[in-house]
């Protein structure tokens, strides 16, 4: 999927290079094989993903990263940045997801949430059906403002927001 959508994935990497300095402790949830986290060059990088084949590929390709199949398996430790790669779209309970992050945060931890606009739903469904996109079941297509409403409910605050990729 990375080869089929090289431009998009390079834009994602460029975005994270801009947001996250190198040599920080970074946790990426829904990080697949860890290619984004590897590009960031963390001092300590942890990927959580439920896709066993992606984890196996990542362990072979990026041995400096640590992989887990579930957040509940991750031992208590704190990170400078936590990346939620489309995770708010692939989980049933967004508030529970945010609450589960607290043990991995310190006072300066930044959580970076990336997701698609609901306007992309038909395009993503079509590209998935014709094999141009990784098969994914999105459980939530919530608005940007609705997503922000989960932060105070989960005892987090918004620092900044933005929109990055138009097409």
Protein backbone atom coordinates (compact mmCIF):
# COMPACT_ATOMS: atom_id res chain seq x y z
CA UNK A 1 0.00 0.00 0.00
CA UNK A 2 2.94 2.29 0.58
CA UNK A 3 4.09 1.85 -3.01
CA UNK A 4 0.61 2.41 -4.45
CA UNK A 5 0.18 5.66 -2.51
CA UNK A 6 3.76 6.90 -2.28
CA UNK A 7 2.89 10.62 -2.59
CA UNK A 8 0.32 10.53 0.22
CA UNK A 9 2.61 8.63 2.57
CA UNK A 10 5.50 10.99 1.85
CA UNK A 11 3.24 13.93 2.73
CA UNK A 12 2.37 12.22 6.03
CA UNK A 13 6.06 11.72 6.81
CA UNK A 14 6.81 15.36 5.94
CA UNK A 15 4.01 16.49 8.26
CA UNK A 16 5.38 14.46 11.16
CA UNK A 17 8.92 15.69 10.50
CA UNK A 18 7.57 19.22 10.91
CA UNK A 19 5.57 18.47 14.07
CA UNK A 20 7.85 16.09 15.98
CA UNK A 21 11.57 16.78 16.60
CA UNK A 22 14.00 13.90 16.24
CA UNK A 23 15.25 11.96 19.27
CA UNK A 24 12.02 12.16 21.28
CA UNK A 25 10.14 9.30 22.91
CA UNK A 26 7.25 8.55 20.54
CA UNK A 27 4.32 6.13 20.70
CA UNK A 28 2.34 5.54 17.50
CA UNK A 29 -1.00 3.81 17.78
CA UNK A 30 -2.23 2.17 14.57
CA UNK A 31 1.29 2.53 13.18
CA UNK A 32 1.18 -0.54 10.94
CA UNK A 33 4.77 -1.60 10.13
CA UNK A 34 6.35 1.50 11.72
CA UNK A 35 7.50 3.30 8.56
CA UNK A 36 6.29 6.69 9.84
CA UNK A 37 7.89 6.24 13.24
CA UNK A 38 11.16 5.14 11.66
CA UNK A 39 11.18 8.29 9.51
CA UNK A 40 10.76 10.48 12.62
CA UNK A 41 13.94 9.01 14.18
CA UNK A 42 12.79 8.79 17.81
CA UNK A 43 15.15 8.07 20.67
CA UNK A 44 12.63 5.42 21.72
CA UNK A 45 9.85 4.39 19.34
CA UNK A 46 6.90 2.13 20.10
CA UNK A 47 4.25 1.03 17.61
CA UNK A 48 0.90 -0.45 18.63
CA UNK A 49 -1.11 -2.16 15.90
CA UNK A 50 -3.58 -5.04 15.79
CA UNK A 51 -2.37 -6.26 12.36
CA UNK A 52 -0.04 -9.18 13.13
CA UNK A 53 1.45 -9.26 9.61
CA UNK A 54 2.27 -5.52 9.79
CA UNK A 55 3.94 -6.04 13.17
CA UNK A 56 6.00 -8.95 11.85
CA UNK A 57 7.07 -6.91 8.81
CA UNK A 58 7.92 -3.94 11.05
CA UNK A 59 9.98 -6.03 13.47
CA UNK A 60 12.05 -7.31 10.55
CA UNK A 61 12.37 -3.98 8.76
CA UNK A 62 12.77 -1.66 11.79
CA UNK A 63 14.41 -3.65 14.61
CA UNK A 64 15.14 -0.44 16.57
CA UNK A 65 11.39 0.02 17.15
CA UNK A 66 9.29 -1.90 19.67
CA UNK A 67 5.96 -3.38 18.57
CA UNK A 68 2.85 -4.39 20.49
CA UNK A 69 -0.46 -5.82 19.32
CA UNK A 70 -2.55 -3.85 21.84
CA UNK A 71 -2.18 -0.80 24.06
CA UNK A 72 -3.02 -2.98 27.07
CA UNK A 73 0.21 -4.98 26.45
CA UNK A 74 2.41 -1.89 26.65
CA UNK A 75 4.28 -1.58 29.97
CA UNK A 76 3.86 1.70 31.83
CA UNK A 77 6.19 4.34 30.39
CA UNK A 78 5.87 7.95 29.33
CA UNK A 79 6.25 9.46 25.89
CA UNK A 80 6.91 12.95 24.58
CA UNK A 81 4.57 12.43 21.62
CA UNK A 82 1.71 10.05 20.97
CA UNK A 83 0.51 9.70 17.39
CA UNK A 84 -3.01 8.43 16.74
CA UNK A 85 -2.90 7.44 13.07
CA UNK A 86 -6.56 7.25 12.00
CA UNK A 87 -7.21 5.51 15.33
CA UNK A 88 -10.10 7.76 16.28
CA UNK A 89 -11.80 6.56 13.10
CA UNK A 90 -11.10 2.88 13.72
CA UNK A 91 -12.19 2.64 17.36
CA UNK A 92 -15.73 2.42 18.70
CA UNK A 93 -15.22 4.54 21.82
CA UNK A 94 -13.05 7.61 21.27
CA UNK A 95 -13.32 8.83 24.85
CA UNK A 96 -12.09 5.47 26.20
CA UNK A 97 -9.18 5.66 23.75
CA UNK A 98 -8.15 9.09 25.03
CA UNK A 99 -8.56 8.03 28.67
CA UNK A 100 -6.36 4.96 28.04
CA UNK A 101 -3.51 7.29 26.99
CA UNK A 102 -3.07 8.95 30.40
CA UNK A 103 -0.63 6.36 31.82
CA UNK A 104 1.69 7.08 28.87
CA UNK A 105 1.67 10.87 29.26
CA UNK A 106 3.67 13.36 31.27
CA UNK A 107 2.84 17.07 31.64
CA UNK A 108 4.53 17.93 28.33
CA UNK A 109 3.24 15.06 26.20
CA UNK A 110 1.67 16.08 22.90
CA UNK A 111 -0.94 13.88 21.25
CA UNK A 112 -1.12 14.20 17.48
CA UNK A 113 -4.38 12.97 15.95
CA UNK A 114 -4.67 12.46 12.23
CA UNK A 115 -7.91 11.56 10.53
CA UNK A 116 -9.79 12.03 7.29
CA UNK A 117 -12.49 14.59 6.68
CA UNK A 118 -15.93 13.04 6.26
CA UNK A 119 -15.94 14.57 2.77
CA UNK A 120 -13.44 11.89 1.74
CA UNK A 121 -15.69 8.98 2.74
CA UNK A 122 -17.07 8.20 -0.75
CA UNK A 123 -13.65 8.54 -2.38
CA UNK A 124 -11.99 6.27 0.18
CA UNK A 125 -14.75 3.67 -0.18
CA UNK A 126 -14.35 3.58 -3.97
CA UNK A 127 -10.55 3.42 -3.89
CA UNK A 128 -10.74 0.64 -1.32
CA UNK A 129 -13.16 -1.37 -3.48
CA UNK A 130 -10.96 -1.11 -6.57
CA UNK A 131 -7.81 -2.05 -4.64
CA UNK A 132 -6.03 1.29 -4.56
CA UNK A 133 -6.25 1.58 -0.79
CA UNK A 134 -5.68 -0.70 2.19
CA UNK A 135 -8.93 -2.34 3.35
CA UNK A 136 -10.04 -0.50 6.48
CA UNK A 137 -13.25 -0.46 8.48
CA UNK A 138 -13.94 3.07 9.66
CA UNK A 139 -16.30 3.05 12.63
CA UNK A 140 -16.43 6.83 13.15
CA UNK A 141 -16.79 9.66 10.68
CA UNK A 142 -17.06 12.50 13.16
CA UNK A 143 -16.46 16.16 12.49
CA UNK A 144 -13.32 17.99 13.56
CA UNK A 145 -15.26 19.94 16.20
CA UNK A 146 -16.83 16.74 17.59
CA UNK A 147 -13.38 15.19 17.87
CA UNK A 148 -12.14 18.24 19.78
CA UNK A 149 -15.06 17.87 22.22
CA UNK A 150 -13.62 14.53 23.38
CA UNK A 151 -10.46 16.21 24.66
CA UNK A 152 -11.87 18.01 27.73
CA UNK A 153 -14.08 15.00 28.47
CA UNK A 154 -10.88 12.96 28.65
CA UNK A 155 -8.92 15.58 30.63
CA UNK A 156 -6.80 16.82 27.72
CA UNK A 157 -6.62 20.26 26.19
CA UNK A 158 -6.26 21.35 22.60
CA UNK A 159 -2.96 23.07 21.80
CA UNK A 160 -3.40 23.59 18.07
CA UNK A 161 -5.28 22.18 15.11
CA UNK A 162 -4.88 22.28 11.38
CA UNK A 163 -5.68 20.73 8.06
CA UNK A 164 -2.79 19.45 6.01
CA UNK A 165 -3.60 17.63 2.78
CA UNK A 166 -6.30 18.80 0.42
CA UNK A 167 -5.91 16.14 -2.25
